[in-house]
Amino acid sequence: MHLEILKFLQKSGCAGGTVLRGLAGFTAGAPALTLPSAGSEGKLPMVVQFIDVPEKVAEILPTLQTMVGSRLMTVQPIQVLAPDR
């Protein structure tokens, strides 16, 4: 699913996107898993993050919500500090 989300973000013209995979994690009602655990790779947490202006985020958010279904999604305002060029 994370690759489909990245493709959607890129096709939508977002400024950038990244996928981060957790080394360990748990969900409510399930035991904690770590990377070496047998068969746990597909169950470990992944974070898909992207950056763009608030208007673009508002535009694509409904489609993202449909894509992720019942999975957790957060939206956070950030301050971007660009290096002097």
N, C-alpha and C. Protein backbone atom coordinates (compact mmCIF):
# COMPACT_ATOMS: atom_id res chain seq x y z
N MET A 1 0.81 -1.19 0.00
CA MET A 1 0.00 0.00 0.00
C MET A 1 0.86 1.26 0.00
N HIS A 2 2.00 1.22 0.69
CA HIS A 2 2.83 2.42 0.79
C HIS A 2 3.32 2.89 -0.58
N LEU A 3 3.60 1.96 -1.48
CA LEU A 3 4.04 2.37 -2.82
C LEU A 3 2.90 3.00 -3.61
N GLU A 4 1.69 2.49 -3.43
CA GLU A 4 0.53 3.08 -4.10
C GLU A 4 0.30 4.51 -3.60
N ILE A 5 0.48 4.72 -2.32
CA ILE A 5 0.32 6.06 -1.75
C ILE A 5 1.40 6.99 -2.31
N LEU A 6 2.65 6.52 -2.36
CA LEU A 6 3.72 7.36 -2.92
C LEU A 6 3.44 7.70 -4.38
N LYS A 7 2.98 6.73 -5.15
CA LYS A 7 2.66 6.99 -6.56
C LYS A 7 1.55 8.03 -6.67
N PHE A 8 0.53 7.91 -5.81
CA PHE A 8 -0.56 8.89 -5.81
C PHE A 8 -0.04 10.28 -5.46
N LEU A 9 0.81 10.37 -4.44
CA LEU A 9 1.36 11.67 -4.03
C LEU A 9 2.17 12.29 -5.15
N GLN A 10 2.98 11.49 -5.82
CA GLN A 10 3.80 12.00 -6.91
C GLN A 10 2.93 12.45 -8.09
N LYS A 11 1.96 11.62 -8.45
CA LYS A 11 1.05 11.96 -9.55
C LYS A 11 0.24 13.22 -9.24
N SER A 12 -0.04 13.44 -7.96
CA SER A 12 -0.81 14.63 -7.55
C SER A 12 0.04 15.89 -7.52
N GLY A 13 1.36 15.74 -7.73
CA GLY A 13 2.24 16.90 -7.76
C GLY A 13 2.75 17.35 -6.42
N CYS A 14 2.76 16.48 -5.43
CA CYS A 14 3.25 16.85 -4.11
C CYS A 14 4.75 17.13 -4.16
N ALA A 15 5.22 17.96 -3.23
CA ALA A 15 6.61 18.38 -3.22
C ALA A 15 7.57 17.25 -2.87
N GLY A 16 7.15 16.29 -2.06
CA GLY A 16 8.03 15.18 -1.70
C GLY A 16 7.33 14.19 -0.80
N GLY A 17 7.84 12.95 -0.78
CA GLY A 17 7.26 11.90 0.06
C GLY A 17 8.33 10.91 0.47
N THR A 18 8.14 10.28 1.63
CA THR A 18 9.09 9.34 2.18
C THR A 18 8.35 8.22 2.89
N VAL A 19 8.89 7.00 2.83
CA VAL A 19 8.35 5.87 3.60
C VAL A 19 9.42 5.46 4.61
N LEU A 20 9.03 5.34 5.85
CA LEU A 20 9.91 4.90 6.93
C LEU A 20 9.34 3.61 7.50
N ARG A 21 10.18 2.59 7.67
CA ARG A 21 9.72 1.33 8.26
C ARG A 21 10.29 1.19 9.66
N GLY A 22 9.43 0.83 10.58
CA GLY A 22 9.83 0.67 11.97
C GLY A 22 10.68 -0.57 12.19
N LEU A 23 11.55 -0.52 13.18
CA LEU A 23 12.36 -1.67 13.57
C LEU A 23 11.60 -2.54 14.56
N ALA A 24 10.63 -1.94 15.24
CA ALA A 24 9.81 -2.67 16.21
C ALA A 24 8.52 -1.90 16.38
N GLY A 25 7.48 -2.59 16.84
CA GLY A 25 6.23 -1.91 17.08
C GLY A 25 5.15 -2.86 17.55
N PHE A 26 4.01 -2.29 17.95
CA PHE A 26 2.87 -3.09 18.37
C PHE A 26 1.59 -2.31 18.10
N THR A 27 0.49 -3.01 18.08
CA THR A 27 -0.83 -2.39 18.01
C THR A 27 -1.65 -2.92 19.17
N ALA A 28 -2.75 -2.25 19.46
CA ALA A 28 -3.60 -2.66 20.57
C ALA A 28 -4.02 -4.12 20.40
N GLY A 29 -3.85 -4.90 21.44
CA GLY A 29 -4.27 -6.29 21.41
C GLY A 29 -3.30 -7.24 20.74
N ALA A 30 -2.14 -6.76 20.32
CA ALA A 30 -1.15 -7.63 19.67
C ALA A 30 0.20 -7.45 20.37
N PRO A 31 1.01 -8.50 20.38
CA PRO A 31 2.31 -8.39 21.03
C PRO A 31 3.27 -7.51 20.22
N ALA A 32 4.28 -6.99 20.90
CA ALA A 32 5.31 -6.21 20.22
C ALA A 32 6.12 -7.12 19.31
N LEU A 33 6.46 -6.63 18.13
CA LEU A 33 7.26 -7.37 17.16
C LEU A 33 8.54 -6.60 16.89
N THR A 34 9.60 -7.34 16.57
CA THR A 34 10.85 -6.71 16.17
C THR A 34 11.25 -7.26 14.81
N LEU A 35 12.15 -6.59 14.13
CA LEU A 35 12.55 -6.97 12.78
C LEU A 35 13.01 -8.42 12.68
N PRO A 36 13.81 -8.95 13.62
CA PRO A 36 14.25 -10.34 13.46
C PRO A 36 13.14 -11.38 13.66
N SER A 37 11.99 -10.98 14.21
CA SER A 37 10.91 -11.95 14.45
C SER A 37 10.47 -12.59 13.15
N ALA A 38 10.26 -13.88 13.18
CA ALA A 38 9.86 -14.61 11.97
C ALA A 38 8.53 -14.08 11.45
N GLY A 39 8.52 -13.70 10.20
CA GLY A 39 7.29 -13.26 9.55
C GLY A 39 6.77 -11.92 9.99
N SER A 40 7.56 -11.15 10.74
CA SER A 40 7.04 -9.89 11.26
C SER A 40 7.21 -8.72 10.30
N GLU A 41 8.01 -8.88 9.25
CA GLU A 41 8.29 -7.74 8.36
C GLU A 41 7.03 -7.07 7.85
N GLY A 42 6.05 -7.85 7.44
CA GLY A 42 4.82 -7.28 6.91
C GLY A 42 3.93 -6.67 7.97
N LYS A 43 4.22 -6.94 9.23
CA LYS A 43 3.38 -6.45 10.31
C LYS A 43 3.99 -5.27 11.05
N LEU A 44 5.23 -4.94 10.76
CA LEU A 44 5.88 -3.83 11.44
C LEU A 44 5.32 -2.50 10.94
N PRO A 45 5.36 -1.47 11.79
CA PRO A 45 4.79 -0.19 11.41
C PRO A 45 5.56 0.46 10.27
N MET A 46 4.81 1.16 9.43
CA MET A 46 5.39 1.98 8.36
C MET A 46 4.77 3.36 8.47
N VAL A 47 5.57 4.35 8.18
CA VAL A 47 5.10 5.72 8.18
C VAL A 47 5.33 6.27 6.79
N VAL A 48 4.27 6.75 6.18
CA VAL A 48 4.38 7.43 4.89
C VAL A 48 4.17 8.90 5.20
N GLN A 49 5.15 9.71 4.88
CA GLN A 49 5.01 11.14 5.14
C GLN A 49 5.26 11.91 3.85
N PHE A 50 4.59 13.05 3.76
CA PHE A 50 4.79 13.90 2.60
C PHE A 50 4.70 15.35 3.04
N ILE A 51 5.19 16.21 2.17
CA ILE A 51 5.21 17.63 2.48
C ILE A 51 4.67 18.42 1.30
N ASP A 52 3.86 19.40 1.62
CA ASP A 52 3.36 20.33 0.61
C ASP A 52 2.64 21.46 1.31
N VAL A 53 2.18 22.41 0.54
CA VAL A 53 1.47 23.56 1.10
C VAL A 53 0.10 23.10 1.61
N PRO A 54 -0.46 23.82 2.59
CA PRO A 54 -1.74 23.41 3.17
C PRO A 54 -2.86 23.21 2.15
N GLU A 55 -2.90 24.01 1.10
CA GLU A 55 -3.95 23.88 0.09
C GLU A 55 -3.86 22.54 -0.64
N LYS A 56 -2.65 22.10 -0.94
CA LYS A 56 -2.45 20.82 -1.63
C LYS A 56 -2.84 19.67 -0.70
N VAL A 57 -2.45 19.78 0.58
CA VAL A 57 -2.80 18.74 1.55
C VAL A 57 -4.32 18.61 1.64
N ALA A 58 -5.02 19.73 1.74
CA ALA A 58 -6.48 19.72 1.82
C ALA A 58 -7.10 19.11 0.57
N GLU A 59 -6.49 19.35 -0.57
CA GLU A 59 -7.00 18.83 -1.84
C GLU A 59 -6.91 17.30 -1.93
N ILE A 60 -5.80 16.73 -1.47
CA ILE A 60 -5.61 15.29 -1.63
C ILE A 60 -6.01 14.47 -0.41
N LEU A 61 -6.28 15.13 0.72
CA LEU A 61 -6.59 14.42 1.95
C LEU A 61 -7.79 13.47 1.82
N PRO A 62 -8.89 13.85 1.19
CA PRO A 62 -10.02 12.90 1.07
C PRO A 62 -9.63 11.60 0.36
N THR A 63 -8.83 11.69 -0.70
CA THR A 63 -8.40 10.48 -1.40
C THR A 63 -7.48 9.65 -0.52
N LEU A 64 -6.58 10.31 0.20
CA LEU A 64 -5.68 9.57 1.10
C LEU A 64 -6.48 8.85 2.19
N GLN A 65 -7.49 9.51 2.73
CA GLN A 65 -8.30 8.88 3.77
C GLN A 65 -8.99 7.63 3.24
N THR A 66 -9.45 7.68 2.01
CA THR A 66 -10.06 6.51 1.39
C THR A 66 -9.03 5.41 1.21
N MET A 67 -7.83 5.78 0.78
CA MET A 67 -6.77 4.80 0.54
C MET A 67 -6.36 4.08 1.82
N VAL A 68 -6.23 4.79 2.93
CA VAL A 68 -5.73 4.17 4.16
C VAL A 68 -6.83 3.47 4.95
N GLY A 69 -8.08 3.73 4.65
CA GLY A 69 -9.18 3.05 5.33
C GLY A 69 -9.15 3.28 6.83
N SER A 70 -9.09 2.20 7.60
CA SER A 70 -9.14 2.31 9.06
C SER A 70 -7.76 2.49 9.70
N ARG A 71 -6.72 2.62 8.88
CA ARG A 71 -5.38 2.82 9.44
C ARG A 71 -5.24 4.24 9.99
N LEU A 72 -4.29 4.40 10.87
CA LEU A 72 -4.07 5.68 11.52
C LEU A 72 -3.45 6.69 10.56
N MET A 73 -3.98 7.92 10.58
CA MET A 73 -3.41 9.01 9.78
C MET A 73 -3.36 10.25 10.66
N THR A 74 -2.25 10.97 10.57
CA THR A 74 -2.12 12.24 11.29
C THR A 74 -1.77 13.34 10.30
N VAL A 75 -2.15 14.56 10.63
CA VAL A 75 -1.80 15.73 9.83
C VAL A 75 -1.17 16.73 10.79
N GLN A 76 0.03 17.20 10.44
CA GLN A 76 0.74 18.09 11.33
C GLN A 76 1.29 19.29 10.54
N PRO A 77 1.05 20.50 11.03
CA PRO A 77 1.68 21.65 10.39
C PRO A 77 3.17 21.66 10.73
N ILE A 78 3.98 22.10 9.80
CA ILE A 78 5.42 22.16 10.03
C ILE A 78 5.97 23.50 9.56
N GLN A 79 7.17 23.78 9.97
CA GLN A 79 7.89 24.94 9.48
C GLN A 79 9.10 24.41 8.73
N VAL A 80 9.22 24.81 7.47
CA VAL A 80 10.33 24.35 6.64
C VAL A 80 11.42 25.42 6.66
N LEU A 81 12.62 25.00 6.99
CA LEU A 81 13.76 25.91 7.01
C LEU A 81 14.67 25.54 5.85
N ALA A 82 14.65 26.34 4.81
CA ALA A 82 15.45 26.06 3.62
C ALA A 82 16.84 26.64 3.81
N PRO A 83 17.86 25.93 3.35
CA PRO A 83 19.22 26.48 3.45
C PRO A 83 19.40 27.68 2.53
N ASP A 84 20.27 28.58 2.92
CA ASP A 84 20.59 29.73 2.05
C ASP A 84 21.29 29.22 0.80
N ARG A 85 20.88 29.75 -0.32
CA ARG A 85 21.51 29.31 -1.58
C ARG A 85 22.03 30.50 -2.33
